[in-house]
Amino acid sequence: FLLEDHPDNMNMEQMMTQEQMMDLNMQITMDMYTRMQSHCFDKCVLNYKEGELSSGERICAERCVTKFTATAKKINTKMQAGV
C-alpha cells in the first residue's frame, strides 16, 4: 500500500492544485491590471501638473480601460475554449 495512492492524499493534491490555480489567476489578474493602468496612464495622461484629469484625458482613459478589458475577456474566452 503506497501512501501516494491513499484517497486523502489525492484530495490534498487536488486542493493544492486548486489553491495554486487560484493563486495563478490572482497573479494574472494583478498583472493585467498593472499593465492596463500603466498603458492607459502613459497613453492618456498628458499634463502631470493638474490635480485632476482633463475631460479629454478622462475620456481617453475610459476608452482605453474599456478596450483593454474587452480584449482581455476575449483572450480569456478563447483560452478557456482551447482555441
C-alpha atoms as a PDB file:
ATOM      1  CA  PHE A   1       0.000   0.000   0.000  1.00  0.00           C
ATOM      2  CA  LEU A   2       1.594   3.252  -1.132  1.00  0.00           C
ATOM      3  CA  LEU A   3       0.927   6.487   0.704  1.00  0.00           C
ATOM      4  CA  GLU A   4       0.525   8.232  -2.675  1.00  0.00           C
ATOM      5  CA  ASP A   5      -2.488   6.062  -3.509  1.00  0.00           C
ATOM      6  CA  HIS A   6      -4.365   6.919  -0.331  1.00  0.00           C
ATOM      7  CA  PRO A   7      -7.646   8.798  -1.131  1.00  0.00           C
ATOM      8  CA  ASP A   8      -6.919  11.531   1.437  1.00  0.00           C
ATOM      9  CA  ASN A   9      -3.639  12.298  -0.298  1.00  0.00           C
ATOM     10  CA  MET A  10      -5.392  12.558  -3.657  1.00  0.00           C
ATOM     11  CA  ASN A  11      -7.846  15.092  -2.183  1.00  0.00           C
ATOM     12  CA  MET A  12      -4.936  17.024  -0.688  1.00  0.00           C
ATOM     13  CA  GLU A  13      -3.232  17.124  -4.098  1.00  0.00           C
ATOM     14  CA  GLN A  14      -6.450  18.331  -5.739  1.00  0.00           C
ATOM     15  CA  MET A  15      -6.867  21.023  -3.085  1.00  0.00           C
ATOM     16  CA  MET A  16      -3.287  22.178  -3.591  1.00  0.00           C
ATOM     17  CA  THR A  17      -3.809  22.277  -7.320  1.00  0.00           C
ATOM     18  CA  GLN A  18      -6.987  24.336  -6.891  1.00  0.00           C
ATOM     19  CA  GLU A  19      -5.197  26.674  -4.495  1.00  0.00           C
ATOM     20  CA  GLN A  20      -2.302  27.026  -6.925  1.00  0.00           C
ATOM     21  CA  MET A  21      -4.739  27.763  -9.747  1.00  0.00           C
ATOM     22  CA  MET A  22      -6.453  30.418  -7.643  1.00  0.00           C
ATOM     23  CA  ASP A  23      -3.060  31.981  -6.877  1.00  0.00           C
ATOM     24  CA  LEU A  24      -2.105  31.898 -10.541  1.00  0.00           C
ATOM     25  CA  ASN A  25      -5.404  33.507 -11.550  1.00  0.00           C
ATOM     26  CA  MET A  26      -4.847  36.244  -8.961  1.00  0.00           C
ATOM     27  CA  GLN A  27      -1.318  36.871 -10.252  1.00  0.00           C
ATOM     28  CA  ILE A  28      -2.549  37.029 -13.849  1.00  0.00           C
ATOM     29  CA  THR A  29      -5.356  39.408 -12.889  1.00  0.00           C
ATOM     30  CA  MET A  30      -3.000  41.684 -10.953  1.00  0.00           C
ATOM     31  CA  ASP A  31      -0.502  41.660 -13.817  1.00  0.00           C
ATOM     32  CA  MET A  32      -3.220  42.572 -16.314  1.00  0.00           C
ATOM     33  CA  TYR A  33      -4.475  45.385 -14.071  1.00  0.00           C
ATOM     34  CA  THR A  34      -0.952  46.761 -13.613  1.00  0.00           C
ATOM     35  CA  ARG A  35      -0.238  46.657 -17.361  1.00  0.00           C
ATOM     36  CA  MET A  36      -3.603  48.269 -18.144  1.00  0.00           C
ATOM     37  CA  GLN A  37      -3.036  51.021 -15.609  1.00  0.00           C
ATOM     38  CA  SER A  38       0.453  51.765 -16.905  1.00  0.00           C
ATOM     39  CA  HIS A  39      -0.536  51.605 -20.581  1.00  0.00           C
ATOM     40  CA  CYS A  40      -3.634  53.774 -20.243  1.00  0.00           C
ATOM     41  CA  PHE A  41      -1.883  56.303 -17.997  1.00  0.00           C
ATOM     42  CA  ASP A  42       1.045  56.647 -20.404  1.00  0.00           C
ATOM     43  CA  LYS A  43      -1.290  56.942 -23.378  1.00  0.00           C
ATOM     44  CA  CYS A  44      -3.867  59.314 -21.908  1.00  0.00           C
ATOM     45  CA  VAL A  45      -2.387  61.496 -19.177  1.00  0.00           C
ATOM     46  CA  LEU A  46      -0.520  64.343 -20.802  1.00  0.00           C
ATOM     47  CA  ASN A  47      -0.373  67.003 -18.099  1.00  0.00           C
ATOM     48  CA  TYR A  48       1.056  65.970 -14.735  1.00  0.00           C
ATOM     49  CA  LYS A  49       0.733  69.446 -13.233  1.00  0.00           C
ATOM     50  CA  GLU A  50      -3.047  69.402 -12.918  1.00  0.00           C
ATOM     51  CA  GLY A  51      -4.655  67.828  -9.871  1.00  0.00           C
ATOM     52  CA  GLU A  52      -7.429  66.276 -11.948  1.00  0.00           C
ATOM     53  CA  LEU A  53      -7.734  64.752 -15.385  1.00  0.00           C
ATOM     54  CA  SER A  54      -8.935  66.948 -18.200  1.00  0.00           C
ATOM     55  CA  SER A  55     -12.111  65.844 -19.946  1.00  0.00           C
ATOM     56  CA  GLY A  56     -10.045  64.580 -22.911  1.00  0.00           C
ATOM     57  CA  GLU A  57      -7.734  62.603 -20.622  1.00  0.00           C
ATOM     58  CA  ARG A  58     -10.698  61.134 -18.749  1.00  0.00           C
ATOM     59  CA  ILE A  59     -12.451  60.069 -21.967  1.00  0.00           C
ATOM     60  CA  CYS A  60      -9.216  58.584 -23.310  1.00  0.00           C
ATOM     61  CA  ALA A  61      -8.643  56.655 -20.066  1.00  0.00           C
ATOM     62  CA  GLU A  62     -12.229  55.344 -20.011  1.00  0.00           C
ATOM     63  CA  ARG A  63     -11.966  54.148 -23.617  1.00  0.00           C
ATOM     64  CA  CYS A  64      -8.543  52.635 -23.023  1.00  0.00           C
ATOM     65  CA  VAL A  65      -9.721  50.683 -19.972  1.00  0.00           C
ATOM     66  CA  THR A  66     -12.851  49.527 -21.804  1.00  0.00           C
ATOM     67  CA  LYS A  67     -10.849  48.281 -24.797  1.00  0.00           C
ATOM     68  CA  PHE A  68      -8.196  46.656 -22.620  1.00  0.00           C
ATOM     69  CA  THR A  69     -10.842  44.853 -20.546  1.00  0.00           C
ATOM     70  CA  ALA A  70     -12.816  43.724 -23.606  1.00  0.00           C
ATOM     71  CA  THR A  71      -9.650  42.375 -25.208  1.00  0.00           C
ATOM     72  CA  ALA A  72      -8.679  40.523 -22.024  1.00  0.00           C
ATOM     73  CA  LYS A  73     -12.165  38.953 -21.856  1.00  0.00           C
ATOM     74  CA  LYS A  74     -11.932  37.787 -25.480  1.00  0.00           C
ATOM     75  CA  ILE A  75      -8.500  36.280 -24.904  1.00  0.00           C
ATOM     76  CA  ASN A  76      -9.698  34.558 -21.726  1.00  0.00           C
ATOM     77  CA  THR A  77     -12.749  33.135 -23.515  1.00  0.00           C
ATOM     78  CA  LYS A  78     -10.625  31.779 -26.378  1.00  0.00           C
ATOM     79  CA  MET A  79      -8.091  30.274 -23.965  1.00  0.00           C
ATOM     80  CA  GLN A  80     -10.832  28.538 -21.990  1.00  0.00           C
ATOM     81  CA  ALA A  81     -12.289  27.194 -25.226  1.00  0.00           C
ATOM     82  CA  GLY A  82      -8.868  25.836 -26.154  1.00  0.00           C
ATOM     83  CA  VAL A  83      -8.632  27.848 -29.357  1.00  0.00           C
END
